Amino acid sequence: MGDKRDSEVVQDSVDSHDFSNNSVSAKPGVWTRFKDSFKPAEVDEKAGDDLASTDDLESGAMNADGGQKGESLKRGLKQRHIQMIAIGGSIGTGLFVGSGGSLRTGGPAALLIAWGLVSTMLVPVVMSLGELCVAFPVTGSFSTYAVRFISPSWGFSIGVIYALMWLIVFPLELVASAMCILYWNDKINPVAWVSLFYVFIIAINLFGVKGYGEAEYFLTIVKIIAITGFIILGVVLVCGGGPTHEFIGAKYYHNPGAFAHGFKGVATTFVTASYSMAGAEMVGLASAETKNPQKVLPKAVRQVFIRLVLFYLLTLMFIGFLVPYNDPQLLGSNTNSTSPFVIAIKNAKIYALPSIFNACILFTVVSVGNSAVYGCSRTLHSLGEQGLLPRIFGYIDRRGRPMVALATSAIFGALCFLSAYENQGEVFAWMLSVSGLATVFVWFNIALCHVRVRWALYAQGRSTSELLYKAPTGIIGSIYAMGFLLVVLVLQFWSSLWPIGHDGRASAYSFFQAYLCAPIMLVLFVGHNIYIRRKLGRWVLLIPLKEVDLDTGRRQMDMDIIRAEIQQEKDAMALKPFYVRWFKYWC
């Protein structure tokens, strides 16, 4: 009888409880979680009210840290992701395919001179970017820095040009991926392969930053193995260990020669060298999505030196040894037939390896396309966050994905279907001309931002001791980089207006195909300045050093604790053998 009474009490208690909200006790299904992931990220209403009361310039600074409103990108990149992005971010079709055109135009010596000198500029640029990103791990990186440290109009111009570059590179790389497949089978319409790679790359980026990071991690491993293998093969072939047992040595430096078109050939090669290294700055874009930038980024940017020496200079040296600049295969119309890597292997009478290396080029093309979507989406998101583009571009969903920016990149990527058009080569050439010099302007901007931050610290009576990481190349390295890039712009102006093969005659067609990016930058800068003048009633051509914002965007952390941890790691490393310290520092 007592048991019955107790059960009735329990039942009454259960009946009286409200279980109408089943979501509390039942886990949502897979489809529900997938659908809800596209909903807006939760917004800090107080921060949103503060943001609404500011003008465009102030709100741009408030959002520079990746979302003062509560909307932020996920910090899902680990140390291994960042290291692989740093190592392989700029290894792409510029090296594997574009170097063939540079070899034909400049000769083997021009390859080493151009890529070597560009490397001396790129090292201080990436070191400076590392210093800025550790201090300010913000969304948009160098475009955001330009808004805060130089001027809003300069930052707007840099951001738009950089986003345009990746918007155009994405469909170009999709077409290149189809050309890789045509190397084996030219019976299938390339549009079919373009569609396949288009869906694959977009799907990777829909997995968020971890999808991009994991894809780059494994694709970069393939690129490293391919380049390392080619260097070993190059040593064997140059020394006469190939199937023909011919000692090649420096034969092609004597016949047909070290230089193809003298100084103008070298000058023309500089631009290709700069373009081929595009992506080295991708570490900066990823800084806002890195868990421990103060520990991860310094090591990643140090790897740039090893990457440049091993993966560029050594590789191009063997390309110059193994392929003469007048090789008729360099004039082929097929994208991969112009790859000096494949030509070198073919000339050595190794019949299976060209197909294997073509597969490596395919992985590289997919990697560059993946980076294009990531770089474009993060730049557009940053411009939207700062109010430099419509605010909708700053939209972040619950998975930390900038969905509107990703959708924009996907829409422009559909231009890859122009591959079915008869004159698609000319169309893509003019598309690329819009952003052909974007990399040069972005690198110049990074160096200038670094100089401005150092000067602003001095002008505001602050010390560089508050910087957790200082670029080893210092402010002198950034000034050298800016001077070098200005020289590249002058050489590009000269070589594009009076191109090789025109007998000294000027060519407007060649000039605008190679230099169109510069006037577009000028129009963007002037147009945005006029907009600011009308909106604020004043010009903002250059932010005074004493007004430069050196605090917004820094993550909340105890500097003393961080420095103590870093010093503790240094003390522990000092006890290890020299070779261990050397390996850990550079690798």
Protein backbone atom coordinates (compact mmCIF):
# COMPACT_ATOMS: atom_id res chain seq x y z
CA MET A 1 0.00 0.00 0.00
CA GLY A 2 2.85 2.36 0.84
CA ASP A 3 4.60 1.52 -2.44
CA LYS A 4 1.45 2.41 -4.41
CA ARG A 5 1.14 5.76 -2.60
CA ASP A 6 4.80 6.56 -3.27
CA SER A 7 4.45 5.74 -6.98
CA GLU A 8 1.42 8.05 -7.25
CA VAL A 9 3.41 10.91 -5.67
CA VAL A 10 6.23 10.36 -8.14
CA GLN A 11 3.79 10.24 -11.06
CA ASP A 12 2.12 13.48 -9.93
CA SER A 13 5.52 15.11 -9.72
CA VAL A 14 6.39 13.94 -13.26
CA ASP A 15 3.05 15.09 -14.65
CA SER A 16 3.40 18.49 -13.03
CA HIS A 17 6.84 19.07 -14.63
CA ASP A 18 6.98 20.79 -18.03
CA PHE A 19 8.86 18.71 -20.57
CA SER A 20 7.58 20.66 -23.54
CA ASN A 21 11.11 21.89 -24.36
CA ASN A 22 12.50 18.64 -25.75
CA SER A 23 15.63 20.33 -27.06
CA VAL A 24 17.00 20.40 -23.53
CA SER A 25 16.91 16.65 -23.09
CA ALA A 26 17.17 15.48 -26.72
CA LYS A 27 20.25 16.19 -28.82
CA PRO A 28 19.43 17.79 -32.21
CA GLY A 29 19.83 15.57 -35.24
CA VAL A 30 22.61 15.83 -37.80
CA TRP A 31 20.48 17.77 -40.28
CA THR A 32 19.32 20.21 -37.57
CA ARG A 33 22.87 20.86 -36.40
CA PHE A 34 24.00 21.35 -40.00
CA LYS A 35 21.15 23.75 -40.75
CA ASP A 36 21.64 25.72 -37.52
CA SER A 37 25.38 26.09 -38.15
CA PHE A 38 24.60 28.65 -40.87
CA LYS A 39 22.69 30.88 -38.45
CA PRO A 40 24.39 34.12 -37.33
CA ALA A 41 26.88 33.92 -34.51
CA GLU A 42 25.64 35.30 -31.21
CA VAL A 43 26.11 39.04 -30.96
CA ASP A 44 27.14 41.05 -27.93
CA GLU A 45 24.27 43.57 -27.88
CA LYS A 46 26.17 46.08 -25.76
CA ALA A 47 29.09 46.08 -28.16
CA GLY A 48 26.65 46.35 -31.04
CA ASP A 49 25.09 49.46 -29.47
CA ASP A 50 28.52 50.98 -28.98
CA LEU A 51 29.37 50.21 -32.58
CA ALA A 52 26.23 51.85 -33.90
CA SER A 53 27.13 55.13 -32.20
CA THR A 54 30.51 55.49 -33.91
CA ASP A 55 31.51 56.74 -37.32
CA ASP A 56 33.03 54.52 -40.01
CA LEU A 57 36.64 55.12 -39.01
CA GLU A 58 36.08 54.38 -35.32
CA SER A 59 33.95 51.30 -35.99
CA GLY A 60 36.64 50.01 -38.32
CA ALA A 61 39.12 50.15 -35.46
CA MET A 62 36.66 48.51 -33.05
CA ASN A 63 36.15 45.60 -35.41
CA ALA A 64 39.82 45.24 -36.27
CA ASP A 65 40.33 42.50 -33.72
CA GLY A 66 38.05 40.12 -35.56
CA GLY A 67 34.75 41.02 -33.99
CA GLN A 68 34.14 43.33 -31.08
CA LYS A 69 30.49 42.66 -31.74
CA GLY A 70 30.83 39.09 -30.62
CA GLU A 71 31.12 37.68 -34.13
CA SER A 72 34.52 36.09 -34.58
CA LEU A 73 36.39 33.57 -36.66
CA LYS A 74 37.19 30.27 -34.96
CA ARG A 75 40.74 29.86 -33.69
CA GLY A 76 41.08 26.36 -35.07
CA LEU A 77 44.56 26.42 -36.63
CA LYS A 78 47.21 24.45 -34.75
CA GLN A 79 50.97 24.75 -34.89
CA ARG A 80 51.33 22.04 -37.53
CA HIS A 81 48.79 23.83 -39.76
CA ILE A 82 50.57 27.17 -39.50
CA GLN A 83 53.96 25.62 -40.16
CA MET A 84 52.74 23.91 -43.32
CA ILE A 85 51.00 27.09 -44.49
CA ALA A 86 54.27 28.95 -43.94
CA ILE A 87 56.33 26.30 -45.74
CA GLY A 88 54.06 25.62 -48.70
CA GLY A 89 51.78 28.65 -48.91
CA SER A 90 53.65 30.17 -51.84
CA ILE A 91 54.65 26.95 -53.63
CA GLY A 92 52.28 26.81 -56.55
CA THR A 93 51.90 27.04 -60.30
CA GLY A 94 54.16 30.10 -60.35
CA LEU A 95 57.09 27.82 -59.51
CA PHE A 96 56.01 24.61 -61.23
CA VAL A 97 54.72 26.19 -64.48
CA GLY A 98 55.43 29.95 -64.50
CA SER A 99 59.17 29.42 -64.11
CA GLY A 100 59.16 27.88 -67.59
CA GLY A 101 58.13 31.17 -69.19
CA SER A 102 60.73 33.02 -67.14
CA LEU A 103 63.41 30.55 -68.25
CA ARG A 104 62.46 31.16 -71.88
CA THR A 105 62.43 34.95 -71.43
CA GLY A 106 65.40 35.49 -69.14
CA GLY A 107 67.60 32.39 -69.25
CA PRO A 108 68.94 30.22 -66.39
CA ALA A 109 71.03 32.97 -64.79
CA ALA A 110 68.02 35.30 -64.78
CA LEU A 111 66.08 32.73 -62.74
CA LEU A 112 68.67 32.72 -59.96
CA ILE A 113 69.17 36.51 -60.03
CA ALA A 114 65.46 37.38 -59.99
CA TRP A 115 64.31 34.79 -57.46
CA GLY A 116 67.40 35.36 -55.33
CA LEU A 117 66.91 39.12 -55.10
CA VAL A 118 63.16 38.79 -54.51
CA SER A 119 63.99 36.37 -51.69
CA THR A 120 66.22 38.96 -50.01
CA MET A 121 63.22 41.28 -50.01
CA LEU A 122 60.65 38.69 -48.95
CA VAL A 123 62.51 37.56 -45.82
CA PRO A 124 62.27 40.95 -44.02
CA VAL A 125 58.68 41.38 -45.23
CA VAL A 126 57.53 38.09 -43.69
CA MET A 127 59.59 38.72 -40.54
CA SER A 128 57.89 42.12 -40.20
CA LEU A 129 54.50 40.52 -40.77
CA GLY A 130 55.28 38.04 -37.99
CA GLU A 131 56.02 40.89 -35.59
CA LEU A 132 52.76 42.64 -36.48
CA CYS A 133 50.64 39.49 -36.30
CA VAL A 134 51.99 38.46 -32.89
CA ALA A 135 51.22 41.93 -31.54
CA PHE A 136 47.92 42.34 -33.43
CA PRO A 137 46.42 38.93 -34.41
CA VAL A 138 43.46 40.56 -36.16
CA THR A 139 41.05 39.60 -38.92
CA GLY A 140 42.30 40.65 -42.33
CA SER A 141 45.87 41.17 -41.15
CA PHE A 142 47.71 43.50 -43.53
CA SER A 143 44.59 45.24 -44.93
CA THR A 144 43.44 45.93 -41.36
CA TYR A 145 46.91 47.19 -40.43
CA ALA A 146 46.84 49.56 -43.39
CA VAL A 147 43.55 51.10 -42.20
CA ARG A 148 44.87 51.68 -38.68
CA PHE A 149 48.52 52.50 -39.25
CA ILE A 150 48.51 54.33 -42.61
CA SER A 151 45.06 55.51 -43.76
CA PRO A 152 41.57 54.07 -44.34
CA SER A 153 41.76 54.74 -48.08
CA TRP A 154 45.09 52.96 -48.44
CA GLY A 155 43.74 49.99 -46.46
CA PHE A 156 40.59 49.90 -48.59
CA SER A 157 42.66 49.89 -51.80
CA ILE A 158 45.02 47.16 -50.57
CA GLY A 159 42.16 44.98 -49.33
CA VAL A 160 40.11 45.26 -52.53
CA ILE A 161 43.09 44.58 -54.81
CA TYR A 162 44.17 41.58 -52.73
CA ALA A 163 40.64 40.16 -52.69
CA LEU A 164 40.37 40.71 -56.46
CA MET A 165 43.62 38.83 -56.97
CA TRP A 166 42.32 35.73 -55.20
CA LEU A 167 38.88 36.07 -56.81
CA ILE A 168 40.58 35.79 -60.21
CA VAL A 169 43.23 33.25 -59.25
CA PHE A 170 40.56 30.78 -58.07
CA PRO A 171 38.94 30.18 -61.51
CA LEU A 172 42.37 30.27 -63.16
CA GLU A 173 43.60 27.47 -60.92
CA LEU A 174 40.45 25.46 -61.60
CA VAL A 175 41.17 25.65 -65.33
CA ALA A 176 44.80 24.68 -64.66
CA SER A 177 43.60 21.62 -62.72
CA ALA A 178 41.60 20.52 -65.76
CA MET A 179 44.71 20.97 -67.92
CA CYS A 180 46.58 18.62 -65.56
CA ILE A 181 43.99 15.92 -66.26
CA LEU A 182 44.18 16.56 -70.02
CA TYR A 183 47.83 15.60 -69.82
CA TRP A 184 46.63 12.00 -69.43
CA ASN A 185 43.25 12.09 -71.16
CA ASP A 186 42.18 14.79 -73.61
CA LYS A 187 38.97 13.06 -74.73
CA ILE A 188 36.80 14.43 -71.91
CA ASN A 189 35.50 17.99 -71.97
CA PRO A 190 37.61 20.06 -69.51
CA VAL A 191 34.43 21.63 -68.11
CA ALA A 192 33.64 18.30 -66.45
CA TRP A 193 36.94 18.30 -64.55
CA VAL A 194 36.56 22.00 -63.72
CA SER A 195 33.17 21.26 -62.13
CA LEU A 196 34.63 18.45 -60.05
CA PHE A 197 37.48 20.52 -58.62
CA TYR A 198 35.18 23.51 -58.10
CA VAL A 199 32.84 21.50 -55.85
CA PHE A 200 35.78 19.87 -54.05
CA ILE A 201 37.50 23.16 -53.10
CA ILE A 202 34.28 24.87 -52.01
CA ALA A 203 33.41 21.82 -49.89
CA ILE A 204 36.81 21.99 -48.13
CA ASN A 205 36.21 25.60 -47.13
CA LEU A 206 32.69 24.83 -45.90
CA PHE A 207 34.32 22.75 -43.17
CA GLY A 208 35.66 26.02 -41.78
CA VAL A 209 39.21 26.98 -40.95
CA LYS A 210 40.06 23.43 -39.84
CA GLY A 211 39.07 22.15 -43.28
CA TYR A 212 41.41 24.64 -44.92
CA GLY A 213 44.19 23.88 -42.43
CA GLU A 214 43.97 20.10 -42.79
CA ALA A 215 43.83 20.29 -46.59
CA GLU A 216 46.88 22.55 -46.72
CA TYR A 217 48.72 20.30 -44.29
CA PHE A 218 48.46 17.21 -46.47
CA LEU A 219 48.75 19.01 -49.83
CA THR A 220 51.91 20.76 -48.64
CA ILE A 221 53.42 17.43 -47.63
CA VAL A 222 52.92 16.26 -51.23
CA LYS A 223 54.58 19.45 -52.55
CA ILE A 224 57.55 19.06 -50.20
CA ILE A 225 58.06 15.43 -51.21
CA ALA A 226 57.84 16.36 -54.92
CA ILE A 227 60.36 19.20 -54.69
CA THR A 228 62.77 17.25 -52.48
CA GLY A 229 62.59 14.34 -54.90
CA PHE A 230 63.25 16.62 -57.87
CA ILE A 231 66.31 18.14 -56.19
CA ILE A 232 67.75 14.67 -55.55
CA LEU A 233 66.95 13.69 -59.15
CA GLY A 234 68.55 16.93 -60.36
CA VAL A 235 71.83 16.09 -58.62
CA VAL A 236 71.83 12.64 -60.22
CA LEU A 237 71.04 13.91 -63.73
CA VAL A 238 73.49 16.83 -63.68
CA CYS A 239 76.29 14.46 -62.60
CA GLY A 240 75.51 12.00 -65.40
CA GLY A 241 73.61 9.39 -63.44
CA GLY A 242 70.50 9.37 -65.65
CA PRO A 243 69.50 6.76 -68.25
CA THR A 244 71.63 8.48 -70.93
CA HIS A 245 74.68 8.72 -68.59
CA GLU A 246 75.43 12.16 -70.03
CA PHE A 247 77.33 14.58 -67.80
CA ILE A 248 75.34 17.81 -68.13
CA GLY A 249 77.01 20.12 -65.65
CA ALA A 250 76.70 23.77 -66.70
CA LYS A 251 76.46 22.95 -70.43
CA TYR A 252 73.37 25.05 -71.04
CA TYR A 253 74.96 28.10 -69.40
CA HIS A 254 77.40 28.11 -72.34
CA ASN A 255 75.08 26.98 -75.12
CA PRO A 256 72.57 28.54 -75.68
CA GLY A 257 73.78 30.81 -72.84
CA ALA A 258 73.08 32.14 -69.37
CA PHE A 259 70.90 35.08 -70.47
CA ALA A 260 68.17 35.04 -73.12
CA HIS A 261 67.43 38.74 -73.61
CA GLY A 262 70.01 40.56 -71.52
CA PHE A 263 68.95 42.96 -68.79
CA LYS A 264 65.38 43.32 -70.06
CA GLY A 265 64.94 39.55 -69.76
CA VAL A 266 66.07 39.72 -66.14
CA ALA A 267 63.77 42.69 -65.46
CA THR A 268 60.79 40.84 -66.92
CA THR A 269 61.56 37.83 -64.74
CA PHE A 270 61.30 39.88 -61.52
CA VAL A 271 57.52 40.17 -61.83
CA THR A 272 57.07 36.43 -62.41
CA ALA A 273 59.29 35.75 -59.40
CA SER A 274 57.13 38.03 -57.25
CA TYR A 275 53.93 36.43 -58.51
CA SER A 276 55.26 32.90 -57.93
CA MET A 277 55.87 33.70 -54.25
CA ALA A 278 52.36 35.06 -53.71
CA GLY A 279 50.91 33.33 -50.67
CA ALA A 280 53.88 33.86 -48.39
CA GLU A 281 51.73 36.44 -46.60
CA MET A 282 48.96 33.87 -45.95
CA VAL A 283 50.39 33.26 -42.47
CA GLY A 284 49.28 36.76 -41.58
CA LEU A 285 45.69 36.14 -42.65
CA ALA A 286 45.64 32.97 -40.56
CA SER A 287 46.89 34.73 -37.41
CA ALA A 288 43.37 35.63 -36.24
CA GLU A 289 42.42 31.94 -36.40
CA THR A 290 45.50 30.66 -34.57
CA LYS A 291 45.24 29.51 -30.95
CA ASN A 292 48.66 30.72 -29.75
CA PRO A 293 50.02 33.24 -32.28
CA GLN A 294 52.71 34.49 -29.89
CA LYS A 295 54.28 31.01 -29.88
CA VAL A 296 53.35 29.61 -33.29
CA LEU A 297 53.95 32.55 -35.66
CA PRO A 298 57.60 33.38 -34.81
CA LYS A 299 58.67 29.85 -35.62
CA ALA A 300 56.55 29.81 -38.78
CA VAL A 301 58.02 33.01 -40.23
CA ARG A 302 61.57 31.83 -39.50
CA GLN A 303 60.92 28.90 -41.81
CA VAL A 304 60.60 31.28 -44.74
CA PHE A 305 64.38 31.46 -45.09
CA ILE A 306 64.78 27.67 -45.32
CA ARG A 307 61.85 27.46 -47.73
CA LEU A 308 63.28 30.08 -50.07
CA VAL A 309 66.74 28.50 -50.17
CA LEU A 310 65.62 24.88 -50.43
CA PHE A 311 62.41 25.04 -52.43
CA TYR A 312 63.15 27.92 -54.78
CA LEU A 313 66.82 28.64 -55.33
CA LEU A 314 68.02 25.02 -55.32
CA THR A 315 65.13 23.90 -57.51
CA LEU A 316 65.57 26.70 -60.04
CA MET A 317 69.31 26.12 -60.14
CA PHE A 318 68.73 22.54 -61.33
CA ILE A 319 66.04 23.71 -63.75
CA GLY A 320 68.66 25.99 -65.35
CA PHE A 321 71.11 23.08 -65.54
CA LEU A 322 68.65 20.60 -67.07
CA VAL A 323 66.54 22.67 -69.49
CA PRO A 324 67.96 25.08 -72.13
CA TYR A 325 66.01 28.31 -72.49
CA ASN A 326 65.48 27.66 -76.21
CA ASP A 327 63.93 24.22 -75.68
CA PRO A 328 60.97 24.06 -78.12
CA GLN A 329 58.79 22.42 -75.45
CA LEU A 330 58.83 25.69 -73.47
CA LEU A 331 56.81 27.20 -76.32
CA GLY A 332 54.04 24.59 -76.04
CA SER A 333 50.41 25.66 -75.75
CA ASN A 334 49.43 23.08 -73.14
CA THR A 335 49.87 24.41 -69.60
CA ASN A 336 51.78 21.40 -68.32
CA SER A 337 53.91 20.98 -71.42
CA THR A 338 55.57 24.27 -70.47
CA SER A 339 56.47 23.07 -66.98
CA PRO A 340 60.28 22.93 -66.84
CA PHE A 341 60.04 20.17 -64.23
CA VAL A 342 58.21 17.84 -66.61
CA ILE A 343 60.50 18.87 -69.52
CA ALA A 344 63.63 18.13 -67.48
CA ILE A 345 62.37 14.63 -66.67
CA LYS A 346 61.34 14.00 -70.29
CA ASN A 347 64.72 15.15 -71.62
CA ALA A 348 66.38 12.66 -69.28
CA LYS A 349 64.43 9.82 -70.99
CA ILE A 350 62.62 8.85 -67.80
CA TYR A 351 59.22 7.79 -69.07
CA ALA A 352 57.05 7.06 -66.04
CA LEU A 353 58.13 9.94 -63.80
CA PRO A 354 56.59 12.81 -65.85
CA SER A 355 53.12 11.48 -65.13
CA ILE A 356 53.92 11.17 -61.44
CA PHE A 357 55.19 14.74 -61.30
CA ASN A 358 52.14 15.91 -63.24
CA ALA A 359 50.04 14.45 -60.44
CA CYS A 360 52.09 16.50 -57.96
CA ILE A 361 51.37 19.62 -60.02
CA LEU A 362 47.67 18.73 -59.83
CA PHE A 363 47.87 18.63 -56.02
CA THR A 364 49.66 21.98 -56.12
CA VAL A 365 46.96 23.55 -58.28
CA VAL A 366 44.24 22.34 -55.89
CA SER A 367 46.25 23.77 -52.98
CA VAL A 368 46.50 27.20 -54.62
CA GLY A 369 42.77 27.15 -55.38
CA ASN A 370 42.06 26.28 -51.75
CA SER A 371 44.28 29.16 -50.59
CA ALA A 372 42.55 31.50 -53.04
CA VAL A 373 39.13 30.84 -51.50
CA TYR A 374 40.52 31.20 -47.97
CA GLY A 375 42.50 34.38 -48.70
CA CYS A 376 39.67 36.06 -50.57
CA SER A 377 36.97 35.20 -48.03
CA ARG A 378 39.02 36.43 -45.04
CA THR A 379 39.95 39.67 -46.78
CA LEU A 380 36.35 40.40 -47.82
CA HIS A 381 35.19 39.57 -44.29
CA SER A 382 37.72 41.99 -42.84
CA LEU A 383 36.66 44.78 -45.21
CA GLY A 384 33.03 44.18 -44.26
CA GLU A 385 33.85 44.18 -40.53
CA GLN A 386 35.59 47.53 -40.87
CA GLY A 387 32.77 49.08 -42.89
CA LEU A 388 34.94 49.46 -45.99
CA LEU A 389 32.56 47.15 -47.86
CA PRO A 390 28.85 46.53 -47.09
CA ARG A 391 28.46 45.10 -43.58
CA ILE A 392 26.93 41.91 -44.95
CA PHE A 393 30.44 40.77 -45.93
CA GLY A 394 31.29 40.63 -42.22
CA TYR A 395 28.65 37.96 -41.59
CA ILE A 396 29.91 35.04 -39.50
CA ASP A 397 27.88 31.90 -38.85
CA ARG A 398 27.94 29.73 -35.74
CA ARG A 399 30.79 27.62 -37.11
CA GLY A 400 32.93 30.76 -37.49
CA ARG A 401 32.68 30.79 -41.30
CA PRO A 402 32.43 34.09 -43.22
CA MET A 403 29.59 32.72 -45.33
CA VAL A 404 28.82 35.79 -47.46
CA ALA A 405 32.50 36.22 -48.29
CA LEU A 406 32.76 32.49 -49.10
CA ALA A 407 29.67 32.72 -51.31
CA THR A 408 31.21 35.66 -53.18
CA SER A 409 34.36 33.69 -53.84
CA ALA A 410 32.28 30.72 -55.01
CA ILE A 411 30.29 32.92 -57.42
CA PHE A 412 33.44 34.36 -58.97
CA GLY A 413 34.90 30.87 -59.11
CA ALA A 414 32.12 29.99 -61.56
CA LEU A 415 34.10 32.03 -64.12
CA CYS A 416 36.11 28.84 -64.53
CA PHE A 417 33.39 27.64 -66.89
CA LEU A 418 34.71 30.17 -69.40
CA SER A 419 37.17 27.39 -70.17
CA ALA A 420 34.56 26.22 -72.67
CA TYR A 421 34.85 29.58 -74.47
CA GLU A 422 37.01 29.63 -77.60
CA ASN A 423 39.09 32.67 -76.57
CA GLN A 424 39.24 31.81 -72.87
CA GLY A 425 43.04 32.39 -72.77
CA GLU A 426 42.68 36.05 -73.69
CA VAL A 427 39.79 36.53 -71.26
CA PHE A 428 41.79 35.11 -68.36
CA ALA A 429 44.86 37.16 -69.33
CA TRP A 430 42.88 40.38 -69.00
CA MET A 431 41.27 39.20 -65.76
CA LEU A 432 44.69 38.52 -64.27
CA SER A 433 45.95 41.95 -65.37
CA VAL A 434 43.48 43.55 -62.93
CA SER A 435 45.47 42.18 -60.01
CA GLY A 436 48.82 41.30 -61.58
CA LEU A 437 50.82 43.58 -59.28
CA ALA A 438 48.68 42.93 -56.19
CA THR A 439 51.41 40.93 -54.47
CA VAL A 440 53.94 43.75 -54.92
CA PHE A 441 51.53 46.29 -53.40
CA VAL A 442 50.63 43.98 -50.48
CA TRP A 443 54.28 43.33 -49.61
CA PHE A 444 55.04 47.05 -49.81
CA ASN A 445 52.08 47.68 -47.50
CA ILE A 446 53.34 45.14 -44.92
CA ALA A 447 56.79 46.75 -44.80
CA LEU A 448 55.27 50.24 -44.57
CA CYS A 449 52.92 49.18 -41.75
CA HIS A 450 55.90 47.78 -39.83
CA VAL A 451 57.83 51.02 -40.22
CA ARG A 452 54.79 53.07 -39.18
CA VAL A 453 54.22 50.96 -36.04
CA ARG A 454 57.84 51.34 -34.94
CA TRP A 455 57.73 55.11 -35.58
CA ALA A 456 54.37 55.38 -33.79
CA LEU A 457 55.78 53.64 -30.71
CA TYR A 458 58.61 56.17 -30.65
CA ALA A 459 56.27 59.13 -31.27
CA GLN A 460 53.95 58.06 -28.43
CA GLY A 461 56.79 57.55 -25.96
CA ARG A 462 56.40 53.78 -25.89
CA SER A 463 59.04 51.08 -26.16
CA THR A 464 59.48 48.04 -28.40
CA SER A 465 59.80 46.02 -25.18
CA GLU A 466 56.02 45.60 -25.27
CA LEU A 467 56.41 43.55 -28.47
CA LEU A 468 56.57 39.82 -27.74
CA TYR A 469 58.32 39.13 -31.04
CA LYS A 470 60.63 41.53 -32.88
CA ALA A 471 61.60 41.01 -36.51
CA PRO A 472 65.33 40.11 -36.63
CA THR A 473 65.68 42.25 -39.78
CA GLY A 474 64.37 45.30 -37.89
CA ILE A 475 63.13 48.50 -39.43
CA ILE A 476 66.10 48.58 -41.84
CA GLY A 477 64.87 45.37 -43.46
CA SER A 478 61.44 46.88 -44.06
CA ILE A 479 62.91 50.04 -45.58
CA TYR A 480 65.09 47.91 -47.88
CA ALA A 481 62.03 45.88 -48.93
CA MET A 482 60.06 49.02 -49.80
CA GLY A 483 62.93 50.37 -51.88
CA PHE A 484 63.34 47.06 -53.68
CA LEU A 485 59.62 46.84 -54.50
CA LEU A 486 59.62 50.37 -55.89
CA VAL A 487 62.45 49.32 -58.22
CA VAL A 488 60.38 46.27 -59.29
CA LEU A 489 57.45 48.56 -60.13
CA VAL A 490 59.72 50.78 -62.26
CA LEU A 491 61.22 47.77 -64.06
CA GLN A 492 57.75 46.36 -64.69
CA PHE A 493 56.64 49.72 -66.13
CA TRP A 494 59.61 49.76 -68.49
CA SER A 495 59.44 46.11 -69.57
CA SER A 496 55.67 46.18 -70.12
CA LEU A 497 55.57 49.45 -72.07
CA TRP A 498 58.50 48.41 -74.29
CA PRO A 499 58.18 44.59 -74.17
CA ILE A 500 60.59 42.00 -75.52
CA GLY A 501 59.97 41.16 -79.18
CA HIS A 502 58.65 44.58 -80.26
CA ASP A 503 61.99 45.93 -81.53
CA GLY A 504 61.97 48.81 -79.06
CA ARG A 505 58.44 49.95 -79.96
CA ALA A 506 55.95 50.83 -77.22
CA SER A 507 52.91 48.58 -76.82
CA ALA A 508 49.78 49.87 -75.09
CA TYR A 509 48.27 46.36 -75.20
CA SER A 510 51.23 44.83 -73.36
CA PHE A 511 51.39 47.71 -70.88
CA PHE A 512 47.78 47.48 -69.72
CA GLN A 513 47.89 43.68 -69.54
CA ALA A 514 50.86 43.88 -67.18
CA TYR A 515 50.29 47.19 -65.37
CA LEU A 516 46.52 47.64 -65.14
CA CYS A 517 46.59 46.95 -61.39
CA ALA A 518 48.48 50.21 -60.67
CA PRO A 519 45.90 52.63 -62.15
CA ILE A 520 43.10 50.63 -60.51
CA MET A 521 44.86 51.05 -57.15
CA LEU A 522 45.11 54.79 -57.79
CA VAL A 523 41.40 55.06 -58.67
CA LEU A 524 40.40 53.12 -55.53
CA PHE A 525 42.60 55.28 -53.31
CA VAL A 526 41.44 58.61 -54.73
CA GLY A 527 37.78 57.54 -54.89
CA HIS A 528 37.72 56.40 -51.25
CA ASN A 529 39.43 59.61 -50.14
CA ILE A 530 36.73 61.63 -51.87
CA TYR A 531 34.10 59.51 -50.12
CA ILE A 532 35.69 60.16 -46.72
CA ARG A 533 36.00 63.88 -47.49
CA ARG A 534 32.27 64.12 -48.18
CA LYS A 535 31.27 61.98 -45.19
CA LEU A 536 33.56 63.43 -42.51
CA GLY A 537 34.28 66.85 -43.95
CA ARG A 538 38.04 66.29 -43.83
CA TRP A 539 40.79 64.48 -45.71
CA VAL A 540 42.45 61.44 -44.11
CA LEU A 541 45.45 60.93 -46.40
CA LEU A 542 47.77 59.79 -43.62
CA ILE A 543 47.06 59.14 -39.94
CA PRO A 544 49.43 61.16 -37.70
CA LEU A 545 51.86 58.96 -35.78
CA LYS A 546 50.62 60.17 -32.41
CA GLU A 547 47.06 59.13 -33.35
CA VAL A 548 47.94 55.63 -34.56
CA ASP A 549 45.95 53.03 -32.58
CA LEU A 550 48.46 50.63 -31.01
CA ASP A 551 46.09 48.94 -28.57
CA THR A 552 42.92 47.77 -30.34
CA GLY A 553 43.09 44.19 -31.54
CA ARG A 554 45.47 42.83 -28.94
CA ARG A 555 44.24 39.72 -27.17
CA GLN A 556 43.83 40.06 -23.45
CA MET A 557 46.86 38.40 -21.88
CA ASP A 558 49.29 38.87 -19.04
CA MET A 559 52.48 40.02 -20.78
CA ASP A 560 54.68 39.11 -17.81
CA ILE A 561 53.36 35.54 -17.74
CA ILE A 562 53.81 35.14 -21.49
CA ARG A 563 57.38 36.48 -21.34
CA ALA A 564 58.15 34.17 -18.41
CA GLU A 565 56.89 31.16 -20.38
CA ILE A 566 58.94 32.13 -23.43
CA GLN A 567 62.06 32.66 -21.32
CA GLN A 568 61.52 29.31 -19.60
CA GLU A 569 61.37 27.60 -23.01
CA LYS A 570 64.56 29.40 -24.10
CA ASP A 571 66.39 28.33 -20.93
CA ALA A 572 65.31 24.71 -21.47
CA MET A 573 66.42 24.83 -25.10
CA ALA A 574 69.81 26.33 -24.16
CA LEU A 575 70.64 23.10 -22.33
CA LYS A 576 70.22 21.00 -25.48
CA PRO A 577 73.01 20.27 -28.04
CA PHE A 578 73.74 22.81 -30.77
CA TYR A 579 72.30 20.72 -33.60
CA VAL A 580 69.01 20.29 -31.70
CA ARG A 581 68.78 24.04 -31.05
CA TRP A 582 69.54 24.78 -34.72
CA PHE A 583 66.92 22.32 -35.97
CA LYS A 584 64.24 23.57 -33.57
CA TYR A 585 64.93 27.20 -34.49
CA TRP A 586 64.69 26.79 -38.26
CA CYS A 587 62.46 23.74 -38.59
